[in-house]
Amino acid sequence: MLESLVCPVTQATLSYDAAQQELVSKEANLAFPIRDGIPIMLISEARTLG
């Protein structure tokens, strides 16, 4: 399923961070949370990578 998800900002592919339970967009410098197995792809819910 990860292959079908893209970053809502850049449309780039995402990588999965199992430790943080996040989908990471390196291009947008954002991490989108996964809650109860559901990726939350809202920009307002994303964490900025530092």
PDB file of N, CA and C in Angstrom:
ATOM      1  N   MET A   1       0.816  -1.197   0.000  1.00  0.00           N
ATOM      2  CA  MET A   1       0.000   0.000   0.000  1.00  0.00           C
ATOM      3  C   MET A   1       0.859   1.261   0.000  1.00  0.00           C
ATOM      4  N   LEU A   2       2.041   1.208   0.589  1.00  0.00           N
ATOM      5  CA  LEU A   2       2.928   2.368   0.662  1.00  0.00           C
ATOM      6  C   LEU A   2       3.248   2.907  -0.732  1.00  0.00           C
ATOM      7  N   GLU A   3       3.347   2.026  -1.707  1.00  0.00           N
ATOM      8  CA  GLU A   3       3.688   2.447  -3.056  1.00  0.00           C
ATOM      9  C   GLU A   3       2.629   3.367  -3.658  1.00  0.00           C
ATOM     10  N   SER A   4       1.391   3.252  -3.204  1.00  0.00           N
ATOM     11  CA  SER A   4       0.313   4.063  -3.775  1.00  0.00           C
ATOM     12  C   SER A   4       0.156   5.413  -3.085  1.00  0.00           C
ATOM     13  N   LEU A   5       0.802   5.607  -1.931  1.00  0.00           N
ATOM     14  CA  LEU A   5       0.712   6.880  -1.216  1.00  0.00           C
ATOM     15  C   LEU A   5       1.846   7.810  -1.625  1.00  0.00           C
ATOM     16  N   VAL A   6       1.520   9.080  -1.789  1.00  0.00           N
ATOM     17  CA  VAL A   6       2.518  10.094  -2.099  1.00  0.00           C
ATOM     18  C   VAL A   6       2.330  11.282  -1.166  1.00  0.00           C
ATOM     19  N   CYS A   7       3.341  12.093  -1.074  1.00  0.00           N
ATOM     20  CA  CYS A   7       3.286  13.293  -0.251  1.00  0.00           C
ATOM     21  C   CYS A   7       2.239  14.251  -0.819  1.00  0.00           C
ATOM     22  N   PRO A   8       1.338  14.759   0.020  1.00  0.00           N
ATOM     23  CA  PRO A   8       0.330  15.698  -0.480  1.00  0.00           C
ATOM     24  C   PRO A   8       0.910  17.062  -0.871  1.00  0.00           C
ATOM     25  N   VAL A   9       2.128  17.344  -0.467  1.00  0.00           N
ATOM     26  CA  VAL A   9       2.762  18.628  -0.789  1.00  0.00           C
ATOM     27  C   VAL A   9       3.544  18.534  -2.092  1.00  0.00           C
ATOM     28  N   THR A  10       4.409  17.522  -2.195  1.00  0.00           N
ATOM     29  CA  THR A  10       5.327  17.421  -3.331  1.00  0.00           C
ATOM     30  C   THR A  10       4.968  16.337  -4.338  1.00  0.00           C
ATOM     31  N   GLN A  11       4.063  15.450  -3.985  1.00  0.00           N
ATOM     32  CA  GLN A  11       3.692  14.289  -4.798  1.00  0.00           C
ATOM     33  C   GLN A  11       4.832  13.282  -4.918  1.00  0.00           C
ATOM     34  N   ALA A  12       5.843  13.400  -4.062  1.00  0.00           N
ATOM     35  CA  ALA A  12       6.978  12.476  -4.063  1.00  0.00           C
ATOM     36  C   ALA A  12       6.632  11.230  -3.249  1.00  0.00           C
ATOM     37  N   THR A  13       7.401  10.173  -3.460  1.00  0.00           N
ATOM     38  CA  THR A  13       7.185   8.945  -2.701  1.00  0.00           C
ATOM     39  C   THR A  13       7.555   9.161  -1.237  1.00  0.00           C
ATOM     40  N   LEU A  14       7.000   8.305  -0.382  1.00  0.00           N
ATOM     41  CA  LEU A  14       7.217   8.398   1.056  1.00  0.00           C
ATOM     42  C   LEU A  14       8.008   7.185   1.530  1.00  0.00           C
ATOM     43  N   SER A  15       8.731   7.365   2.617  1.00  0.00           N
ATOM     44  CA  SER A  15       9.404   6.231   3.244  1.00  0.00           C
ATOM     45  C   SER A  15       8.752   5.978   4.597  1.00  0.00           C
ATOM     46  N   TYR A  16       8.798   4.723   5.025  1.00  0.00           N
ATOM     47  CA  TYR A  16       8.149   4.312   6.262  1.00  0.00           C
ATOM     48  C   TYR A  16       9.163   4.282   7.391  1.00  0.00           C
ATOM     49  N   ASP A  17       8.859   4.960   8.483  1.00  0.00           N
ATOM     50  CA  ASP A  17       9.677   4.931   9.690  1.00  0.00           C
ATOM     51  C   ASP A  17       8.919   4.110  10.729  1.00  0.00           C
ATOM     52  N   ALA A  18       9.289   2.842  10.868  1.00  0.00           N
ATOM     53  CA  ALA A  18       8.582   1.930  11.767  1.00  0.00           C
ATOM     54  C   ALA A  18       8.719   2.340  13.227  1.00  0.00           C
ATOM     55  N   ALA A  19       9.865   2.844  13.620  1.00  0.00           N
ATOM     56  CA  ALA A  19      10.090   3.226  15.014  1.00  0.00           C
ATOM     57  C   ALA A  19       9.176   4.364  15.448  1.00  0.00           C
ATOM     58  N   GLN A  20       8.961   5.327  14.560  1.00  0.00           N
ATOM     59  CA  GLN A  20       8.128   6.489  14.874  1.00  0.00           C
ATOM     60  C   GLN A  20       6.678   6.328  14.413  1.00  0.00           C
ATOM     61  N   GLN A  21       6.407   5.261  13.650  1.00  0.00           N
ATOM     62  CA  GLN A  21       5.083   5.051  13.060  1.00  0.00           C
ATOM     63  C   GLN A  21       4.669   6.272  12.238  1.00  0.00           C
ATOM     64  N   GLU A  22       5.525   6.605  11.262  1.00  0.00           N
ATOM     65  CA  GLU A  22       5.308   7.771  10.410  1.00  0.00           C
ATOM     66  C   GLU A  22       5.672   7.446   8.966  1.00  0.00           C
ATOM     67  N   LEU A  23       5.072   8.192   8.066  1.00  0.00           N
ATOM     68  CA  LEU A  23       5.474   8.193   6.665  1.00  0.00           C
ATOM     69  C   LEU A  23       6.228   9.485   6.433  1.00  0.00           C
ATOM     70  N   VAL A  24       7.435   9.383   5.910  1.00  0.00           N
ATOM     71  CA  VAL A  24       8.332  10.524   5.816  1.00  0.00           C
ATOM     72  C   VAL A  24       8.482  10.987   4.373  1.00  0.00           C
ATOM     73  N   SER A  25       8.319  12.295   4.195  1.00  0.00           N
ATOM     74  CA  SER A  25       8.589  12.936   2.915  1.00  0.00           C
ATOM     75  C   SER A  25       9.866  13.752   3.082  1.00  0.00           C
ATOM     76  N   LYS A  26      10.954  13.240   2.560  1.00  0.00           N
ATOM     77  CA  LYS A  26      12.232  13.954   2.663  1.00  0.00           C
ATOM     78  C   LYS A  26      12.211  15.244   1.855  1.00  0.00           C
ATOM     79  N   GLU A  27      11.505  15.235   0.724  1.00  0.00           N
ATOM     80  CA  GLU A  27      11.441  16.414  -0.132  1.00  0.00           C
ATOM     81  C   GLU A  27      10.712  17.573   0.553  1.00  0.00           C
ATOM     82  N   ALA A  28       9.643  17.266   1.296  1.00  0.00           N
ATOM     83  CA  ALA A  28       8.864  18.305   1.978  1.00  0.00           C
ATOM     84  C   ALA A  28       9.338  18.529   3.415  1.00  0.00           C
ATOM     85  N   ASN A  29      10.250  17.666   3.884  1.00  0.00           N
ATOM     86  CA  ASN A  29      10.758  17.755   5.252  1.00  0.00           C
ATOM     87  C   ASN A  29       9.631  17.590   6.278  1.00  0.00           C
ATOM     88  N   LEU A  30       8.711  16.637   5.982  1.00  0.00           N
ATOM     89  CA  LEU A  30       7.561  16.391   6.847  1.00  0.00           C
ATOM     90  C   LEU A  30       7.433  14.905   7.150  1.00  0.00           C
ATOM     91  N   ALA A  31       6.842  14.607   8.309  1.00  0.00           N
ATOM     92  CA  ALA A  31       6.527  13.237   8.689  1.00  0.00           C
ATOM     93  C   ALA A  31       5.047  13.167   9.034  1.00  0.00           C
ATOM     94  N   PHE A  32       4.339  12.263   8.362  1.00  0.00           N
ATOM     95  CA  PHE A  32       2.910  12.102   8.560  1.00  0.00           C
ATOM     96  C   PHE A  32       2.663  10.922   9.496  1.00  0.00           C
ATOM     97  N   PRO A  33       1.865  11.109  10.536  1.00  0.00           N
ATOM     98  CA  PRO A  33       1.661  10.038  11.515  1.00  0.00           C
ATOM     99  C   PRO A  33       0.786   8.910  10.979  1.00  0.00           C
ATOM    100  N   ILE A  34       0.989   7.736  11.565  1.00  0.00           N
ATOM    101  CA  ILE A  34       0.119   6.591  11.311  1.00  0.00           C
ATOM    102  C   ILE A  34      -0.555   6.276  12.639  1.00  0.00           C
ATOM    103  N   ARG A  35      -1.883   6.357  12.668  1.00  0.00           N
ATOM    104  CA  ARG A  35      -2.645   6.102  13.894  1.00  0.00           C
ATOM    105  C   ARG A  35      -3.582   4.925  13.682  1.00  0.00           C
ATOM    106  N   ASP A  36      -3.474   3.938  14.543  1.00  0.00           N
ATOM    107  CA  ASP A  36      -4.307   2.728  14.443  1.00  0.00           C
ATOM    108  C   ASP A  36      -4.224   2.115  13.050  1.00  0.00           C
ATOM    109  N   GLY A  37      -3.031   2.175  12.462  1.00  0.00           N
ATOM    110  CA  GLY A  37      -2.804   1.581  11.152  1.00  0.00           C
ATOM    111  C   GLY A  37      -3.258   2.434   9.984  1.00  0.00           C
ATOM    112  N   ILE A  38      -3.732   3.650  10.250  1.00  0.00           N
ATOM    113  CA  ILE A  38      -4.235   4.528   9.197  1.00  0.00           C
ATOM    114  C   ILE A  38      -3.302   5.722   9.026  1.00  0.00           C
ATOM    115  N   PRO A  39      -2.737   5.917   7.836  1.00  0.00           N
ATOM    116  CA  PRO A  39      -1.886   7.087   7.618  1.00  0.00           C
ATOM    117  C   PRO A  39      -2.734   8.365   7.588  1.00  0.00           C
ATOM    118  N   ILE A  40      -2.312   9.351   8.350  1.00  0.00           N
ATOM    119  CA  ILE A  40      -2.996  10.641   8.408  1.00  0.00           C
ATOM    120  C   ILE A  40      -2.219  11.590   7.494  1.00  0.00           C
ATOM    121  N   MET A  41      -2.755  11.818   6.295  1.00  0.00           N
ATOM    122  CA  MET A  41      -2.036  12.554   5.263  1.00  0.00           C
ATOM    123  C   MET A  41      -2.430  14.027   5.204  1.00  0.00           C
ATOM    124  N   LEU A  42      -2.811  14.584   6.329  1.00  0.00           N
ATOM    125  CA  LEU A  42      -3.162  15.997   6.406  1.00  0.00           C
ATOM    126  C   LEU A  42      -1.920  16.810   6.745  1.00  0.00           C
ATOM    127  N   ILE A  43      -1.699  17.887   6.032  1.00  0.00           N
ATOM    128  CA  ILE A  43      -0.530  18.724   6.281  1.00  0.00           C
ATOM    129  C   ILE A  43      -0.572  19.287   7.690  1.00  0.00           C
ATOM    130  N   SER A  44      -1.768  19.592   8.175  1.00  0.00           N
ATOM    131  CA  SER A  44      -1.913  20.147   9.532  1.00  0.00           C
ATOM    132  C   SER A  44      -1.544  19.145  10.617  1.00  0.00           C
ATOM    133  N   GLU A  45      -1.524  17.864  10.297  1.00  0.00           N
ATOM    134  CA  GLU A  45      -1.166  16.815  11.261  1.00  0.00           C
ATOM    135  C   GLU A  45       0.307  16.394  11.151  1.00  0.00           C
ATOM    136  N   ALA A  46       0.982  16.862  10.116  1.00  0.00           N
ATOM    137  CA  ALA A  46       2.369  16.452   9.864  1.00  0.00           C
ATOM    138  C   ALA A  46       3.328  17.142  10.839  1.00  0.00           C
ATOM    139  N   ARG A  47       4.407  16.407  11.110  1.00  0.00           N
ATOM    140  CA  ARG A  47       5.477  16.928  11.966  1.00  0.00           C
ATOM    141  C   ARG A  47       6.619  17.378  11.057  1.00  0.00           C
ATOM    142  N   THR A  48       7.145  18.579  11.328  1.00  0.00           N
ATOM    143  CA  THR A  48       8.297  19.062  10.568  1.00  0.00           C
ATOM    144  C   THR A  48       9.547  18.363  11.058  1.00  0.00           C
ATOM    145  N   LEU A  49      10.334  17.873  10.120  1.00  0.00           N
ATOM    146  CA  LEU A  49      11.589  17.204  10.463  1.00  0.00           C
ATOM    147  C   LEU A  49      12.653  18.248  10.752  1.00  0.00           C
ATOM    148  N   GLY A  50      13.415  18.003  11.759  1.00  0.00           N
ATOM    149  CA  GLY A  50      14.388  19.013  12.150  1.00  0.00           C
ATOM    150  C   GLY A  50      15.750  18.582  11.952  1.00  0.00           C
TER     151      GLY A  50
END
